[in-house]
Amino acid sequence: MNPDLFLADLEAKPAALADLAAALDAEDPFAGLPEGIDRVLFLGMGSSRFAAGVAALRMRAAGVNAWAEYASAAATFPPDPRTLVVPISATGGSRETLDAVERYAGGASLLMALTNTPGSPITEAANLVVPMHAREERGGVACRSYQHTLALLLALESRLTGAGRNVPALVRRAAEATTDLLERRDDWLPRVLELLDGPHGVYMIAPTERLSSAEQSALMIRECPRRPSDACETGDWAHVDVYLTKTLSYRALLFPGSRYDEQAMDWVRERGSTIVTVGGEVKDAAAAVRYAHDDDPDVRLLTETLVAELVAATWWSAQ
């Protein structure tokens, strides 16, 4: 792991997204899927599971029987010819995911591997392999691969639901949003660093529909500068993390969009906690980071973790 290469990986996001959009324009990566899929089961760990959790929620909301499981779970759905099993691993070598694949390899279920590493072990038993097109992450941190996983799962959602969403256009809008944040970082990043730099870590709050943004952001703070960080769903925050505001110098990134944003902010005001919002304005937040196309929730989903990633890269480099 290398902080300078991690920053370079972040700066290469727009170009990698352009590659992904072009690949999606050129070919449907899911063209090999059969008709009559009854269930989709995502298997992964870490960032892969974060992305899959949001994708499964979206699919269920659209009427698709989808579930995201820890690959390390001892048991989950049994093999079935109408179940599409999607193991996700950027490296293609996650031990837990490979172990989970063994339960389905050569069986009744269709295996579709999603990976950033062609020819990796996860592809060996797969009936279909979908490349992430995220390029090599030389910094050793899953950042572009997480973003590309989300984009590809949105494309899978569109195919399975028949929504006909123009995902390549969405990916290009996310590239523009990412470019905007990168090019203007000197305007917003110093203030965000100052506000979040406290003695008790950084917390992340996001609505259920974009919970992966909070989970991935917290992981970046833990993995790179190795500072305390955790994620919470916005509505659940009033039942779970609100207690921290009473005893800690509580500092958080809030990804707005939940009907319960104001409920959380009531406690923040009462206890003098520090909130920075990403992609929207919330009354009494200490600062707001805005960017191009942040009025589109799907662009937010694909873009907003960059704020925490750049915070993590800066703190990491300063160590």
Protein backbone atom coordinates (compact mmCIF):
# COMPACT_ATOMS: atom_id res chain seq x y z
CA MET A 1 0.00 0.00 0.00
CA ASN A 2 1.32 3.42 -0.98
CA PRO A 3 -0.28 6.84 -0.29
CA ASP A 4 1.14 8.55 -3.37
CA LEU A 5 -0.04 5.76 -5.65
CA PHE A 6 -3.42 5.78 -3.92
CA LEU A 7 -3.80 9.47 -4.74
CA ALA A 8 -2.79 8.73 -8.33
CA ASP A 9 -5.46 6.02 -8.44
CA LEU A 10 -8.06 8.58 -7.34
CA GLU A 11 -6.89 11.11 -9.90
CA ALA A 12 -7.26 8.47 -12.62
CA LYS A 13 -10.93 7.85 -11.81
CA PRO A 14 -12.38 10.00 -14.63
CA ALA A 15 -10.29 8.27 -17.29
CA ALA A 16 -11.16 4.82 -15.94
CA LEU A 17 -14.86 5.72 -15.91
CA ALA A 18 -14.56 6.83 -19.52
CA ASP A 19 -13.10 3.41 -20.34
CA LEU A 20 -16.00 1.71 -18.58
CA ALA A 21 -18.60 3.82 -20.40
CA ALA A 22 -16.98 2.99 -23.73
CA ALA A 23 -16.93 -0.73 -22.87
CA LEU A 24 -20.63 -0.65 -21.95
CA ASP A 25 -21.43 1.15 -25.19
CA ALA A 26 -19.51 -1.44 -27.19
CA GLU A 27 -20.97 -4.57 -25.60
CA ASP A 28 -23.55 -5.67 -23.03
CA PRO A 29 -21.49 -7.58 -20.43
CA PHE A 30 -24.63 -9.47 -19.40
CA ALA A 31 -25.64 -10.63 -22.87
CA GLY A 32 -24.82 -14.22 -21.91
CA LEU A 33 -27.40 -14.37 -19.14
CA PRO A 34 -30.32 -16.75 -19.78
CA GLU A 35 -33.97 -15.89 -19.40
CA GLY A 36 -35.95 -17.04 -16.38
CA ILE A 37 -33.66 -16.01 -13.53
CA ASP A 38 -35.70 -16.14 -10.31
CA ARG A 39 -33.11 -15.04 -7.78
CA VAL A 40 -29.82 -13.12 -7.73
CA LEU A 41 -27.32 -13.87 -4.96
CA PHE A 42 -24.32 -11.56 -4.56
CA LEU A 43 -21.31 -12.85 -2.64
CA GLY A 44 -18.44 -10.65 -1.49
CA MET A 45 -16.47 -9.07 1.30
CA GLY A 46 -15.56 -5.48 2.14
CA SER A 47 -16.13 -2.99 -0.66
CA SER A 48 -17.62 -5.70 -2.87
CA ARG A 49 -20.29 -6.45 -0.30
CA PHE A 50 -20.98 -2.75 0.31
CA ALA A 51 -21.76 -2.22 -3.38
CA ALA A 52 -23.76 -5.45 -3.61
CA GLY A 53 -25.93 -4.53 -0.63
CA VAL A 54 -27.18 -1.36 -2.30
CA ALA A 55 -27.61 -3.15 -5.64
CA ALA A 56 -29.68 -5.92 -4.04
CA LEU A 57 -31.90 -3.38 -2.27
CA ARG A 58 -32.53 -1.55 -5.54
CA MET A 59 -33.35 -4.78 -7.33
CA ARG A 60 -35.80 -5.87 -4.65
CA ALA A 61 -37.51 -2.48 -4.88
CA ALA A 62 -37.92 -3.12 -8.62
CA GLY A 63 -39.40 -6.60 -8.04
CA VAL A 64 -36.28 -8.74 -8.46
CA ASN A 65 -35.55 -11.34 -5.77
CA ALA A 66 -32.00 -10.28 -4.93
CA TRP A 67 -29.81 -10.70 -1.87
CA ALA A 68 -26.28 -9.66 -0.90
CA GLU A 69 -24.51 -12.05 1.44
CA TYR A 70 -21.21 -12.04 3.28
CA ALA A 71 -19.14 -14.55 1.35
CA SER A 72 -17.96 -15.81 4.74
CA ALA A 73 -21.47 -16.90 5.78
CA ALA A 74 -21.51 -20.59 6.65
CA ALA A 75 -24.75 -21.12 4.74
CA THR A 76 -27.06 -19.21 2.44
CA PHE A 77 -29.35 -20.05 -0.48
CA PRO A 78 -28.76 -23.56 -1.88
CA PRO A 79 -27.80 -24.09 -5.52
CA ASP A 80 -30.73 -23.79 -7.87
CA PRO A 81 -30.89 -23.63 -11.69
CA ARG A 82 -32.92 -20.40 -11.54
CA THR A 83 -30.49 -18.66 -9.15
CA LEU A 84 -27.78 -16.39 -10.56
CA VAL A 85 -24.81 -16.38 -8.17
CA VAL A 86 -22.55 -13.33 -8.53
CA PRO A 87 -19.23 -13.59 -6.65
CA ILE A 88 -17.49 -10.20 -6.58
CA SER A 89 -13.77 -9.69 -5.98
CA ALA A 90 -11.57 -7.00 -7.50
CA THR A 91 -8.43 -9.10 -7.08
CA GLY A 92 -10.26 -12.32 -7.89
CA GLY A 93 -8.55 -13.96 -4.95
CA SER A 94 -10.52 -13.12 -1.82
CA ARG A 95 -10.32 -16.28 0.27
CA GLU A 96 -13.85 -16.09 1.66
CA THR A 97 -15.38 -15.44 -1.76
CA LEU A 98 -13.48 -18.31 -3.35
CA ASP A 99 -14.64 -20.60 -0.53
CA ALA A 100 -18.24 -19.51 -1.15
CA VAL A 101 -17.89 -20.17 -4.87
CA GLU A 102 -16.96 -23.78 -4.13
CA ARG A 103 -20.51 -24.37 -2.87
CA TYR A 104 -21.89 -23.49 -6.31
CA ALA A 105 -19.11 -24.52 -8.70
CA GLY A 106 -20.22 -27.26 -11.09
CA GLY A 107 -23.70 -27.25 -9.60
CA ALA A 108 -27.11 -26.15 -10.70
CA SER A 109 -26.67 -22.39 -10.27
CA LEU A 110 -25.25 -20.08 -12.91
CA LEU A 111 -22.02 -18.43 -11.72
CA MET A 112 -21.18 -14.92 -12.98
CA ALA A 113 -17.88 -13.57 -11.62
CA LEU A 114 -17.30 -9.81 -11.39
CA THR A 115 -13.59 -9.01 -11.11
CA ASN A 116 -10.88 -6.54 -12.05
CA THR A 117 -8.30 -9.28 -12.62
CA PRO A 118 -8.73 -11.41 -15.75
CA GLY A 119 -7.69 -15.02 -15.29
CA SER A 120 -7.81 -14.79 -11.49
CA PRO A 121 -9.02 -17.77 -9.42
CA ILE A 122 -12.58 -16.44 -9.17
CA THR A 123 -12.98 -16.82 -12.94
CA GLU A 124 -12.07 -20.51 -13.06
CA ALA A 125 -15.49 -21.92 -12.12
CA ALA A 126 -17.53 -19.07 -13.62
CA ASN A 127 -19.97 -19.55 -16.47
CA LEU A 128 -19.67 -15.85 -17.28
CA VAL A 129 -16.94 -13.33 -16.37
CA VAL A 130 -17.65 -9.58 -16.23
CA PRO A 131 -14.53 -7.36 -16.12
CA MET A 132 -14.62 -4.18 -14.02
CA HIS A 133 -12.44 -2.12 -16.40
CA ALA A 134 -11.07 -0.24 -13.36
CA ARG A 135 -7.40 -0.58 -14.33
CA GLU A 136 -4.72 -1.69 -11.86
CA GLU A 137 -5.07 -0.02 -8.45
CA ARG A 138 -1.38 0.51 -7.78
CA GLY A 139 -1.97 2.11 -4.39
CA GLY A 140 -3.27 -1.20 -3.06
CA VAL A 141 -6.69 0.19 -2.09
CA ALA A 142 -10.01 -0.74 -3.73
CA CYS A 143 -11.29 2.65 -4.84
CA ARG A 144 -11.92 2.59 -8.60
CA SER A 145 -12.96 -1.06 -8.46
CA TYR A 146 -15.63 -0.19 -5.87
CA GLN A 147 -16.96 2.59 -8.10
CA HIS A 148 -16.97 0.35 -11.18
CA THR A 149 -18.65 -2.48 -9.28
CA LEU A 150 -21.53 -0.15 -8.46
CA ALA A 151 -21.83 1.01 -12.08
CA LEU A 152 -21.86 -2.54 -13.42
CA LEU A 153 -24.46 -3.63 -10.87
CA LEU A 154 -26.64 -0.69 -11.97
CA ALA A 155 -26.30 -2.03 -15.52
CA LEU A 156 -27.29 -5.51 -14.31
CA GLU A 157 -30.29 -4.01 -12.52
CA SER A 158 -31.35 -2.27 -15.72
CA ARG A 159 -31.12 -5.52 -17.67
CA LEU A 160 -32.97 -7.69 -15.16
CA THR A 161 -35.76 -5.18 -14.61
CA GLY A 162 -36.08 -4.14 -18.25
CA ALA A 163 -35.66 -0.50 -17.20
CA GLY A 164 -33.57 0.36 -20.25
CA ARG A 165 -31.44 2.81 -18.24
CA ASN A 166 -28.66 4.49 -20.21
CA VAL A 167 -25.90 3.42 -17.84
CA PRO A 168 -23.02 4.58 -20.08
CA ALA A 169 -24.47 8.11 -19.98
CA LEU A 170 -24.75 7.86 -16.18
CA VAL A 171 -21.12 6.71 -15.93
CA ARG A 172 -20.01 9.69 -18.03
CA ARG A 173 -21.94 12.05 -15.75
CA ALA A 174 -20.20 10.45 -12.77
CA ALA A 175 -16.87 11.02 -14.52
CA GLU A 176 -17.75 14.70 -14.93
CA ALA A 177 -18.75 14.92 -11.27
CA THR A 178 -15.52 13.20 -10.22
CA THR A 179 -13.48 15.56 -12.38
CA ASP A 180 -15.23 18.54 -10.82
CA LEU A 181 -14.40 17.41 -7.28
CA LEU A 182 -10.78 16.72 -8.21
CA GLU A 183 -10.24 20.00 -10.04
CA ARG A 184 -11.75 22.10 -7.25
CA ARG A 185 -10.24 20.22 -4.30
CA ASP A 186 -8.11 23.22 -3.29
CA ASP A 187 -11.36 25.11 -2.72
CA TRP A 188 -13.13 22.59 -0.47
CA LEU A 189 -10.66 20.03 0.86
CA PRO A 190 -8.67 22.20 3.35
CA ARG A 191 -11.83 23.25 5.18
CA VAL A 192 -13.16 19.68 5.29
CA LEU A 193 -9.84 18.40 6.63
CA GLU A 194 -9.92 21.02 9.37
CA LEU A 195 -13.49 20.21 10.40
CA LEU A 196 -13.05 16.43 10.44
CA ASP A 197 -9.64 16.34 12.15
CA GLY A 198 -10.69 15.52 15.71
CA PRO A 199 -9.47 13.27 18.53
CA HIS A 200 -12.18 10.63 18.21
CA GLY A 201 -12.28 9.71 14.53
CA VAL A 202 -14.74 10.42 11.72
CA TYR A 203 -18.23 8.99 11.33
CA MET A 204 -20.25 8.48 8.16
CA ILE A 205 -24.03 8.78 7.80
CA ALA A 206 -26.04 7.85 4.69
CA PRO A 207 -29.56 6.79 3.72
CA THR A 208 -30.27 3.11 3.20
CA GLU A 209 -30.32 3.55 -0.57
CA ARG A 210 -26.71 4.80 -0.49
CA LEU A 211 -25.44 3.12 2.66
CA SER A 212 -22.47 1.79 0.70
CA SER A 213 -21.19 5.38 0.45
CA ALA A 214 -20.92 5.59 4.23
CA GLU A 215 -19.45 2.09 4.54
CA GLN A 216 -16.83 2.65 1.83
CA SER A 217 -15.94 6.10 3.16
CA ALA A 218 -15.41 4.76 6.67
CA LEU A 219 -13.27 1.94 5.29
CA MET A 220 -11.05 4.46 3.47
CA ILE A 221 -10.37 6.33 6.73
CA ARG A 222 -9.60 3.07 8.57
CA GLU A 223 -7.54 1.47 5.82
CA CYS A 224 -5.40 4.39 4.67
CA PRO A 225 -4.53 6.77 7.54
CA ARG A 226 -5.67 4.08 10.04
CA ARG A 227 -7.95 6.41 11.99
CA PRO A 228 -11.17 5.35 13.76
CA SER A 229 -14.23 5.54 11.51
CA ASP A 230 -17.58 3.83 11.20
CA ALA A 231 -20.77 4.02 9.14
CA CYS A 232 -24.41 4.34 10.13
CA GLU A 233 -27.73 4.48 8.25
CA THR A 234 -29.40 7.88 8.73
CA GLY A 235 -32.64 6.69 10.30
CA ASP A 236 -30.86 4.14 12.46
CA TRP A 237 -28.44 6.84 13.62
CA ALA A 238 -30.99 8.13 16.16
CA HIS A 239 -31.09 4.63 17.69
CA VAL A 240 -27.42 3.68 17.39
CA ASP A 241 -24.83 6.46 17.03
CA VAL A 242 -26.61 9.42 18.60
CA TYR A 243 -25.12 8.40 21.94
CA LEU A 244 -21.63 9.21 20.69
CA THR A 245 -22.51 12.89 20.33
CA LYS A 246 -22.84 13.20 24.11
CA THR A 247 -19.33 12.08 25.02
CA LEU A 248 -17.11 12.47 21.94
CA SER A 249 -15.92 15.31 19.78
CA TYR A 250 -18.29 13.93 17.19
CA ARG A 251 -17.43 14.76 13.56
CA ALA A 252 -19.21 13.21 10.60
CA LEU A 253 -19.72 13.26 6.88
CA LEU A 254 -23.44 13.24 6.09
CA PHE A 255 -24.63 12.07 2.68
CA PRO A 256 -28.04 13.80 2.48
CA GLY A 257 -31.18 12.35 0.97
CA SER A 258 -32.90 10.57 3.84
CA ARG A 259 -36.25 11.73 5.19
CA TYR A 260 -34.52 11.43 8.57
CA ASP A 261 -31.72 13.94 7.94
CA GLU A 262 -33.46 16.57 10.05
CA GLN A 263 -33.99 14.13 12.91
CA ALA A 264 -30.25 13.58 13.08
CA MET A 265 -29.51 17.29 12.76
CA ASP A 266 -31.76 18.07 15.75
CA TRP A 267 -29.36 16.11 17.95
CA VAL A 268 -26.33 17.62 16.22
CA ARG A 269 -27.55 21.15 17.01
CA GLU A 270 -28.36 20.28 20.61
CA ARG A 271 -24.96 18.75 21.29
CA GLY A 272 -22.73 20.96 19.15
CA SER A 273 -21.43 18.19 16.92
CA THR A 274 -19.72 18.85 13.58
CA ILE A 275 -21.38 17.75 10.33
CA VAL A 276 -20.05 18.17 6.80
CA THR A 277 -22.50 17.33 4.03
CA VAL A 278 -21.58 15.87 0.66
CA GLY A 279 -23.71 16.57 -2.41
CA GLY A 280 -26.41 18.65 -0.73
CA GLU A 281 -27.20 21.36 1.79
CA VAL A 282 -28.51 20.69 5.29
CA LYS A 283 -29.32 23.48 7.73
CA ASP A 284 -26.62 24.07 10.37
CA ALA A 285 -24.02 21.80 8.77
CA ALA A 286 -20.52 23.24 9.25
CA ALA A 287 -19.77 22.94 5.53
CA ALA A 288 -21.20 21.47 2.33
CA VAL A 289 -19.23 19.90 -0.52
CA ARG A 290 -21.10 20.30 -3.79
CA TYR A 291 -20.18 19.06 -7.24
CA ALA A 292 -21.49 18.75 -10.80
CA HIS A 293 -24.67 16.65 -11.22
CA ASP A 294 -25.13 16.13 -7.47
CA ASP A 295 -28.87 16.57 -7.96
CA ASP A 296 -28.93 13.02 -9.42
CA PRO A 297 -28.98 10.33 -6.67
CA ASP A 298 -27.31 7.79 -8.96
CA VAL A 299 -24.47 10.19 -9.74
CA ARG A 300 -24.10 10.71 -6.00
CA LEU A 301 -23.94 6.96 -5.46
CA LEU A 302 -21.11 6.63 -7.97
CA THR A 303 -19.20 9.77 -6.93
CA GLU A 304 -19.59 10.85 -3.31
CA THR A 305 -17.03 8.53 -1.70
CA LEU A 306 -14.29 10.57 -3.39
CA VAL A 307 -14.60 13.20 -0.65
CA ALA A 308 -13.61 10.75 2.09
CA GLU A 309 -11.03 9.15 -0.21
CA LEU A 310 -9.26 12.48 -0.70
CA VAL A 311 -9.42 13.17 3.04
CA ALA A 312 -7.91 9.73 3.65
CA ALA A 313 -5.19 10.26 1.03
CA THR A 314 -4.19 13.60 2.54
CA TRP A 315 -3.98 12.30 6.10
CA TRP A 316 -2.13 9.20 4.94
CA SER A 317 0.48 11.20 3.02
CA ALA A 318 1.10 13.40 6.06
CA GLN A 319 2.03 10.49 8.30
